[in-house]
C-alpha atoms as a PDB file:
ATOM      1  CA  MET A   1      12.886   9.423  19.049  1.00  0.00           C
ATOM      2  CA  ALA A   2       9.093  10.555  19.438  1.00  0.00           C
ATOM      3  CA  TYR A   3       7.782  13.615  19.720  1.00  0.00           C
ATOM      4  CA  GLY A   4       4.461  15.060  20.718  1.00  0.00           C
ATOM      5  CA  ALA A   5       2.178  17.590  19.050  1.00  0.00           C
ATOM      6  CA  SER A   6       3.664  20.509  21.150  1.00  0.00           C
ATOM      7  CA  GLY A   7       7.025  19.200  19.580  1.00  0.00           C
ATOM      8  CA  GLY A   8       8.416  18.295  22.700  1.00  0.00           C
ATOM      9  CA  GLN A   9      10.737  14.734  22.592  1.00  0.00           C
ATOM     10  CA  LEU A  10       8.459  12.217  24.828  1.00  0.00           C
ATOM     11  CA  TRP A  11      11.495   9.521  24.249  1.00  0.00           C
ATOM     12  CA  GLN A  12      14.564   8.098  22.992  1.00  0.00           C
ATOM     13  CA  ALA A  13      14.943   4.393  21.911  1.00  0.00           C
ATOM     14  CA  PRO A  14      18.723   3.018  21.494  1.00  0.00           C
ATOM     15  CA  ALA A  15      20.609   3.426  18.527  1.00  0.00           C
ATOM     16  CA  LEU A  16      21.183   0.072  16.917  1.00  0.00           C
ATOM     17  CA  ASP A  17      24.296  -0.874  14.303  1.00  0.00           C
ATOM     18  CA  GLU A  18      21.486  -1.911  12.178  1.00  0.00           C
ATOM     19  CA  TYR A  19      19.820  -0.654   8.952  1.00  0.00           C
ATOM     20  CA  CYS A  20      15.653   0.750  10.484  1.00  0.00           C
ATOM     21  CA  THR A  21      13.028   2.292   8.817  1.00  0.00           C
ATOM     22  CA  PRO A  22       9.893   3.560  10.835  1.00  0.00           C
ATOM     23  CA  PHE A  23       7.188   1.345  10.618  1.00  0.00           C
ATOM     24  CA  ALA A  24       3.661   2.568  12.099  1.00  0.00           C
ATOM     25  CA  PRO A  25       0.882   0.142  11.577  1.00  0.00           C
ATOM     26  CA  GLY A  26      -2.519   0.953  12.940  1.00  0.00           C
ATOM     27  CA  GLY A  27      -0.525   3.434  14.980  1.00  0.00           C
ATOM     28  CA  VAL A  28       1.718   1.833  16.501  1.00  0.00           C
ATOM     29  CA  PRO A  29       5.639   2.744  16.546  1.00  0.00           C
ATOM     30  CA  TYR A  30       7.783   0.101  15.174  1.00  0.00           C
ATOM     31  CA  ALA A  31      10.955  -0.279  13.111  1.00  0.00           C
ATOM     32  CA  LEU A  32      12.015  -2.422  10.051  1.00  0.00           C
ATOM     33  CA  CYS A  33      15.743  -3.258  10.653  1.00  0.00           C
ATOM     34  CA  SER A  34      17.943  -5.308   8.954  1.00  0.00           C
ATOM     35  CA  LYS A  35      21.928  -6.110   9.801  1.00  0.00           C
ATOM     36  CA  GLY A  36      24.565  -3.980   7.406  1.00  0.00           C
ATOM     37  CA  THR A  37      22.582  -3.518   4.496  1.00  0.00           C
ATOM     38  CA  GLU A  38      18.784  -1.785   3.511  1.00  0.00           C
ATOM     39  CA  PRO A  39      15.754  -3.578   4.901  1.00  0.00           C
ATOM     40  CA  ASP A  40      15.003  -4.317   0.905  1.00  0.00           C
ATOM     41  CA  GLN A  41      18.169  -6.539   0.350  1.00  0.00           C
ATOM     42  CA  ALA A  42      18.344  -9.068   3.742  1.00  0.00           C
ATOM     43  CA  PRO A  43      15.404 -10.589   6.197  1.00  0.00           C
ATOM     44  CA  VAL A  44      14.050  -8.297   8.366  1.00  0.00           C
ATOM     45  CA  ASP A  45      13.464  -7.444  11.466  1.00  0.00           C
ATOM     46  CA  LEU A  46      10.432  -6.202  12.999  1.00  0.00           C
ATOM     47  CA  MET A  47      10.907  -4.295  16.216  1.00  0.00           C
ATOM     48  CA  ARG A  48       8.258  -2.640  18.801  1.00  0.00           C
ATOM     49  CA  LEU A  49       9.519   0.948  19.426  1.00  0.00           C
ATOM     50  CA  GLY A  50       9.011   1.669  22.645  1.00  0.00           C
ATOM     51  CA  PRO A  51      10.113   4.482  25.712  1.00  0.00           C
ATOM     52  CA  GLY A  52      14.137   3.477  25.886  1.00  0.00           C
ATOM     53  CA  SER A  53      13.457   0.356  24.272  1.00  0.00           C
ATOM     54  CA  LEU A  54      14.186  -1.724  20.422  1.00  0.00           C
ATOM     55  CA  THR A  55      11.883  -5.583  21.154  1.00  0.00           C
ATOM     56  CA  GLU A  56      12.532  -7.867  18.804  1.00  0.00           C
ATOM     57  CA  THR A  57       9.320  -8.849  17.566  1.00  0.00           C
ATOM     58  CA  ALA A  58       9.556 -11.296  14.220  1.00  0.00           C
ATOM     59  CA  THR A  59      11.401 -12.265  11.387  1.00  0.00           C
ATOM     60  CA  LEU A  60      10.531 -11.317   8.013  1.00  0.00           C
ATOM     61  CA  PRO A  61      11.666 -12.643   4.598  1.00  0.00           C
ATOM     62  CA  GLU A  62      13.865 -10.724   2.409  1.00  0.00           C
ATOM     63  CA  LYS A  63      12.275  -8.673   0.296  1.00  0.00           C
ATOM     64  CA  ALA A  64       8.908  -9.132   2.671  1.00  0.00           C
ATOM     65  CA  ARG A  65       6.563  -5.766   1.870  1.00  0.00           C
ATOM     66  CA  ALA A  66       4.930  -4.108   4.438  1.00  0.00           C
ATOM     67  CA  LEU A  67       1.580  -3.158   4.270  1.00  0.00           C
ATOM     68  CA  GLY A  68       0.053  -2.029   7.446  1.00  0.00           C
ATOM     69  CA  ALA A  69      -2.169  -3.476  10.183  1.00  0.00           C
ATOM     70  CA  VAL A  70      -5.281  -5.389  10.614  1.00  0.00           C
ATOM     71  CA  GLY A  71      -7.155  -6.472  14.141  1.00  0.00           C
ATOM     72  CA  GLY A  72      -4.108  -4.089  14.872  1.00  0.00           C
ATOM     73  CA  GLN A  73      -1.584  -6.628  13.782  1.00  0.00           C
ATOM     74  CA  PRO A  74       1.092  -5.702  11.614  1.00  0.00           C
ATOM     75  CA  LEU A  75       0.707  -7.324   7.943  1.00  0.00           C
ATOM     76  CA  PHE A  76       3.320  -8.279   5.148  1.00  0.00           C
ATOM     77  CA  LEU A  77       3.703  -9.227   2.153  1.00  0.00           C
ATOM     78  CA  ALA A  78       5.862 -12.378   1.101  1.00  0.00           C
ATOM     79  CA  PRO A  79       7.627 -12.602  -2.188  1.00  0.00           C
ATOM     80  CA  GLN A  80       7.626 -15.771  -4.393  1.00  0.00           C
ATOM     81  CA  THR A  81      11.075 -15.377  -4.782  1.00  0.00           C
ATOM     82  CA  ALA A  82      14.016 -12.855  -3.715  1.00  0.00           C
ATOM     83  CA  LYS A  83      16.161 -12.619  -6.372  1.00  0.00           C
ATOM     84  CA  ASP A  84      17.258  -9.641  -8.067  1.00  0.00           C
ATOM     85  CA  VAL A  85      15.883  -8.913 -11.429  1.00  0.00           C
ATOM     86  CA  TYR A  86      16.502  -6.095 -13.394  1.00  0.00           C
ATOM     87  CA  GLU A  87      14.591  -6.339 -16.085  1.00  0.00           C
ATOM     88  CA  SER A  88      12.578  -3.128 -17.883  1.00  0.00           C
ATOM     89  CA  GLY A  89       8.743  -3.520 -16.367  1.00  0.00           C
ATOM     90  CA  TYR A  90       9.530  -6.545 -13.819  1.00  0.00           C
ATOM     91  CA  GLU A  91       6.741  -6.774 -11.135  1.00  0.00           C
ATOM     92  CA  ARG A  92       7.406  -9.166  -8.238  1.00  0.00           C
ATOM     93  CA  PRO A  93       5.614 -11.459  -7.663  1.00  0.00           C
ATOM     94  CA  TYR A  94       3.965 -11.915  -4.031  1.00  0.00           C
ATOM     95  CA  ASN A  95       2.292 -15.802  -3.476  1.00  0.00           C
ATOM     96  CA  ALA A  96       1.308 -15.025   0.505  1.00  0.00           C
ATOM     97  CA  LEU A  97       0.123 -12.453   2.828  1.00  0.00           C
ATOM     98  CA  LEU A  98       2.036 -12.223   6.918  1.00  0.00           C
ATOM     99  CA  ARG A  99       0.167 -11.678   9.423  1.00  0.00           C
ATOM    100  CA  VAL A 100       2.334 -10.870  12.919  1.00  0.00           C
ATOM    101  CA  ALA A 101       0.802 -11.286  16.462  1.00  0.00           C
ATOM    102  CA  SER A 102       1.405  -7.905  17.830  1.00  0.00           C
ATOM    103  CA  GLY A 103       1.608  -9.913  21.169  1.00  0.00           C
ATOM    104  CA  THR A 104       3.477 -13.131  20.870  1.00  0.00           C
ATOM    105  CA  GLY A 105       5.718 -12.187  17.286  1.00  0.00           C
ATOM    106  CA  GLN A 106       4.086 -15.325  16.239  1.00  0.00           C
ATOM    107  CA  VAL A 107       3.869 -15.065  12.451  1.00  0.00           C
ATOM    108  CA  SER A 108       1.056 -16.640  10.308  1.00  0.00           C
ATOM    109  CA  ARG A 109       1.261 -17.425   6.853  1.00  0.00           C
ATOM    110  CA  ILE A 110      -1.878 -16.931   5.005  1.00  0.00           C
ATOM    111  CA  PRO A 111      -1.398 -18.140   1.196  1.00  0.00           C
ATOM    112  CA  LEU A 112      -2.689 -16.557  -1.917  1.00  0.00           C
ATOM    113  CA  ALA A 113      -5.040 -18.312  -4.827  1.00  0.00           C
ATOM    114  CA  HIS A 114      -1.962 -17.739  -6.881  1.00  0.00           C
ATOM    115  CA  PRO A 115       1.196 -15.129  -7.330  1.00  0.00           C
ATOM    116  CA  LEU A 116      -0.182 -11.623  -7.602  1.00  0.00           C
ATOM    117  CA  THR A 117       2.031  -8.545  -8.986  1.00  0.00           C
ATOM    118  CA  GLY A 118       1.758  -4.683  -8.777  1.00  0.00           C
ATOM    119  CA  ALA A 119       1.628  -2.267  -6.381  1.00  0.00           C
ATOM    120  CA  ALA A 120       0.027  -3.157  -3.092  1.00  0.00           C
ATOM    121  CA  THR A 121      -2.568  -1.209  -0.702  1.00  0.00           C
ATOM    122  CA  LEU A 122      -4.410  -2.042   2.124  1.00  0.00           C
ATOM    123  CA  VAL A 123      -7.656  -0.521   2.729  1.00  0.00           C
ATOM    124  CA  ASP A 124      -9.954  -1.470   5.112  1.00  0.00           C
ATOM    125  CA  GLY A 125      -8.919  -4.818   5.526  1.00  0.00           C
ATOM    126  CA  VAL A 126      -8.682  -5.090   1.315  1.00  0.00           C
ATOM    127  CA  VAL A 127      -5.505  -5.913  -0.070  1.00  0.00           C
ATOM    128  CA  TYR A 128      -5.536  -3.970  -3.913  1.00  0.00           C
ATOM    129  CA  PHE A 129      -3.032  -5.131  -5.801  1.00  0.00           C
ATOM    130  CA  VAL A 130      -2.184  -2.589  -9.142  1.00  0.00           C
ATOM    131  CA  ARG A 131      -0.306  -3.407 -12.261  1.00  0.00           C
ATOM    132  CA  SER A 132       1.164  -0.940 -14.144  1.00  0.00           C
ATOM    133  CA  ASP A 133      -1.328  -2.365 -17.270  1.00  0.00           C
ATOM    134  CA  GLY A 134      -4.237  -1.063 -14.891  1.00  0.00           C
ATOM    135  CA  LEU A 135      -5.059  -4.523 -14.189  1.00  0.00           C
ATOM    136  CA  VAL A 136      -6.846  -4.333 -10.376  1.00  0.00           C
ATOM    137  CA  THR A 137      -7.124  -7.191  -8.006  1.00  0.00           C
ATOM    138  CA  ALA A 138      -8.816  -7.350  -4.316  1.00  0.00           C
ATOM    139  CA  VAL A 139      -7.850  -9.690  -1.831  1.00  0.00           C
ATOM    140  CA  SER A 140      -9.339 -10.488   1.528  1.00  0.00           C
ATOM    141  CA  ALA A 141      -6.477  -9.326   4.106  1.00  0.00           C
ATOM    142  CA  ASP A 142      -7.648 -11.523   6.858  1.00  0.00           C
ATOM    143  CA  SER A 143      -7.914 -14.726   4.328  1.00  0.00           C
ATOM    144  CA  GLY A 144      -6.102 -14.196   1.577  1.00  0.00           C
ATOM    145  CA  ARG A 145      -8.920 -14.766  -0.798  1.00  0.00           C
ATOM    146  CA  GLN A 146      -9.141 -13.211  -4.014  1.00  0.00           C
ATOM    147  CA  LEU A 147     -12.416 -10.976  -3.773  1.00  0.00           C
ATOM    148  CA  TRP A 148     -12.122  -9.704  -7.462  1.00  0.00           C
ATOM    149  CA  GLN A 149     -10.398  -8.561 -10.548  1.00  0.00           C
ATOM    150  CA  LYS A 150     -10.828  -6.332 -13.324  1.00  0.00           C
ATOM    151  CA  VAL A 151      -8.995  -5.870 -16.171  1.00  0.00           C
ATOM    152  CA  THR A 152      -9.730  -1.988 -16.587  1.00  0.00           C
ATOM    153  CA  ASP A 153      -7.468  -1.116 -19.493  1.00  0.00           C
ATOM    154  CA  VAL A 154      -6.644   2.346 -17.660  1.00  0.00           C
ATOM    155  CA  GLU A 155      -2.350   2.233 -17.447  1.00  0.00           C
ATOM    156  CA  SER A 156      -0.669   3.887 -14.835  1.00  0.00           C
ATOM    157  CA  LEU A 157      -3.153   3.783 -11.414  1.00  0.00           C
ATOM    158  CA  SER A 158      -2.584   5.435  -8.953  1.00  0.00           C
ATOM    159  CA  ALA A 159      -2.929   3.579  -5.204  1.00  0.00           C
ATOM    160  CA  PRO A 160      -6.677   3.137  -4.496  1.00  0.00           C
ATOM    161  CA  ALA A 161      -9.019   5.275  -2.769  1.00  0.00           C
ATOM    162  CA  VAL A 162     -12.431   3.436  -1.109  1.00  0.00           C
ATOM    163  CA  SER A 163     -15.315   5.707  -0.417  1.00  0.00           C
ATOM    164  CA  THR A 164     -17.847   3.457   1.717  1.00  0.00           C
ATOM    165  CA  THR A 165     -20.314   6.022   1.343  1.00  0.00           C
ATOM    166  CA  TYR A 166     -20.671   5.054  -1.910  1.00  0.00           C
ATOM    167  CA  GLY A 167     -19.201   1.490  -2.012  1.00  0.00           C
ATOM    168  CA  ARG A 168     -16.868   2.486  -4.909  1.00  0.00           C
ATOM    169  CA  VAL A 169     -12.855   2.094  -4.965  1.00  0.00           C
ATOM    170  CA  TYR A 170     -11.600   5.249  -7.154  1.00  0.00           C
ATOM    171  CA  PHE A 171      -8.069   5.404  -9.201  1.00  0.00           C
ATOM    172  CA  ALA A 172      -6.739   8.536 -11.213  1.00  0.00           C
ATOM    173  CA  ASN A 173      -3.805   8.095 -13.905  1.00  0.00           C
ATOM    174  CA  ARG A 174      -1.043  10.163 -15.028  1.00  0.00           C
ATOM    175  CA  PHE A 175      -2.910  12.098 -17.564  1.00  0.00           C
ATOM    176  CA  GLY A 176      -5.718  13.058 -15.314  1.00  0.00           C
ATOM    177  CA  ARG A 177      -8.582  10.327 -16.298  1.00  0.00           C
ATOM    178  CA  LEU A 178     -10.459   9.350 -12.973  1.00  0.00           C
ATOM    179  CA  LEU A 179     -12.089   5.668 -12.762  1.00  0.00           C
ATOM    180  CA  ALA A 180     -14.595   4.099 -10.073  1.00  0.00           C
ATOM    181  CA  LEU A 181     -14.765   0.802  -9.587  1.00  0.00           C
ATOM    182  CA  ASP A 182     -17.493  -1.465  -7.219  1.00  0.00           C
ATOM    183  CA  SER A 183     -15.714  -2.093  -4.116  1.00  0.00           C
ATOM    184  CA  ARG A 184     -17.448  -5.561  -3.656  1.00  0.00           C
ATOM    185  CA  THR A 185     -17.334  -6.591  -7.006  1.00  0.00           C
ATOM    186  CA  GLY A 186     -15.151  -4.618  -9.444  1.00  0.00           C
ATOM    187  CA  ALA A 187     -17.522  -3.759 -12.118  1.00  0.00           C
ATOM    188  CA  GLU A 188     -16.244  -0.423 -14.019  1.00  0.00           C
ATOM    189  CA  VAL A 189     -18.914   2.279 -12.558  1.00  0.00           C
ATOM    190  CA  TRP A 190     -17.722   5.303 -14.363  1.00  0.00           C
ATOM    191  CA  ARG A 191     -14.655   6.916 -15.874  1.00  0.00           C
ATOM    192  CA  THR A 192     -13.835  10.090 -16.968  1.00  0.00           C
ATOM    193  CA  SER A 193     -11.867  11.653 -19.968  1.00  0.00           C
ATOM    194  CA  ALA A 194      -8.275  12.851 -19.759  1.00  0.00           C
ATOM    195  CA  LEU A 195      -7.176  16.244 -18.498  1.00  0.00           C
ATOM    196  CA  ASP A 196      -6.345  18.563 -21.848  1.00  0.00           C
ATOM    197  CA  ASP A 197      -2.809  19.627 -20.179  1.00  0.00           C
ATOM    198  CA  PRO A 198      -1.878  17.570 -16.973  1.00  0.00           C
ATOM    199  CA  GLY A 199       1.249  19.426 -17.301  1.00  0.00           C
ATOM    200  CA  ASP A 200       5.095  18.598 -18.108  1.00  0.00           C
ATOM    201  CA  LYS A 201       5.452  16.498 -14.880  1.00  0.00           C
ATOM    202  CA  ALA A 202       2.536  13.850 -15.871  1.00  0.00           C
ATOM    203  CA  GLN A 203       5.109  11.915 -17.163  1.00  0.00           C
ATOM    204  CA  GLY A 204       7.072  11.369 -14.144  1.00  0.00           C
ATOM    205  CA  ASP A 205       5.325  12.013 -11.436  1.00  0.00           C
ATOM    206  CA  PRO A 206       3.342   9.461 -10.079  1.00  0.00           C
ATOM    207  CA  PRO A 207      -0.800  10.148  -9.587  1.00  0.00           C
ATOM    208  CA  THR A 208      -2.795  10.455  -6.592  1.00  0.00           C
ATOM    209  CA  VAL A 209      -6.386  10.018  -5.573  1.00  0.00           C
ATOM    210  CA  LEU A 210      -7.614  10.770  -2.200  1.00  0.00           C
ATOM    211  CA  LEU A 211     -11.285  11.207  -0.846  1.00  0.00           C
ATOM    212  CA  VAL A 212     -12.378  14.901   1.473  1.00  0.00           C
ATOM    213  CA  GLY A 213     -15.323  13.587   2.844  1.00  0.00           C
ATOM    214  CA  ASP A 214     -16.987  12.205  -0.321  1.00  0.00           C
ATOM    215  CA  ALA A 215     -15.091  14.419  -2.483  1.00  0.00           C
ATOM    216  CA  ILE A 216     -12.764  12.816  -5.340  1.00  0.00           C
ATOM    217  CA  VAL A 217      -8.994  15.092  -4.763  1.00  0.00           C
ATOM    218  CA  ALA A 218      -6.448  13.946  -7.298  1.00  0.00           C
ATOM    219  CA  THR A 219      -3.259  15.129  -9.230  1.00  0.00           C
ATOM    220  CA  ALA A 220      -1.583  14.617 -12.082  1.00  0.00           C
ATOM    221  CA  GLY A 221       1.499  15.525 -13.478  1.00  0.00           C
ATOM    222  CA  ASP A 222       1.493  18.958 -11.805  1.00  0.00           C
ATOM    223  CA  THR A 223      -2.325  19.625 -11.857  1.00  0.00           C
ATOM    224  CA  ALA A 224      -4.411  18.944  -9.125  1.00  0.00           C
ATOM    225  CA  PHE A 225      -8.306  18.684  -9.541  1.00  0.00           C
ATOM    226  CA  SER A 226     -11.663  17.419  -7.757  1.00  0.00           C
ATOM    227  CA  ARG A 227     -14.537  15.392  -9.200  1.00  0.00           C
ATOM    228  CA  SER A 228     -17.933  14.687  -6.924  1.00  0.00           C
ATOM    229  CA  PRO A 229     -18.647  10.927  -6.020  1.00  0.00           C
ATOM    230  CA  ASP A 230     -21.501  10.405  -8.084  1.00  0.00           C
ATOM    231  CA  GLY A 231     -19.609  10.832 -11.749  1.00  0.00           C
ATOM    232  CA  PRO A 232     -17.709  12.582 -14.365  1.00  0.00           C
ATOM    233  CA  ALA A 233     -20.631  14.941 -14.772  1.00  0.00           C
ATOM    234  CA  GLY A 234     -21.300  15.702 -11.107  1.00  0.00           C
END
């Protein structure tokens, strides 16, 4: 069901005998559905949501990962392998981007130069892969070309926040350290020291960072803090 800002229902689409999760790349409503099981465990149907209807748009491989939209077209990561691996610290490799034409549902495969691992985030046409050991790789969402790769030696980084004003990519880690990289080259611009006491939840709760205007606001454990985009002394 879709609701307006006032809370009133706008429309309702029929339920399916499938497991579905909502997905709204670029603000366009879709559902990721698979028959009889969770989407992570079977090939996924991308369904376009509309008033009173669900329209099948494309079928994606098992364990494809939704990223967002580029140029109004949904974008996914294609796994190198779909097998289940339960080893501690295992990170699934991805070897291509999948771009779905919103009008026809045609899926275009964009190969990556080599398989990449880590948490992937799409920001302003760039996919950032962030590994648990602090390795960050930036890839063009249009071409799959690697833009840069940086060994940061800062573990447990958050998803990135990108400032177009300063040309920086910001990260926080679970101990409250902030890291700023040049968005064009990946070179380190500055970093802060860890917080004196990020709280008892630092081990379990993932860190976050976002921009409010150009101010950096981050969380680590049960502590929220902010910094100037000019650097640790700002």
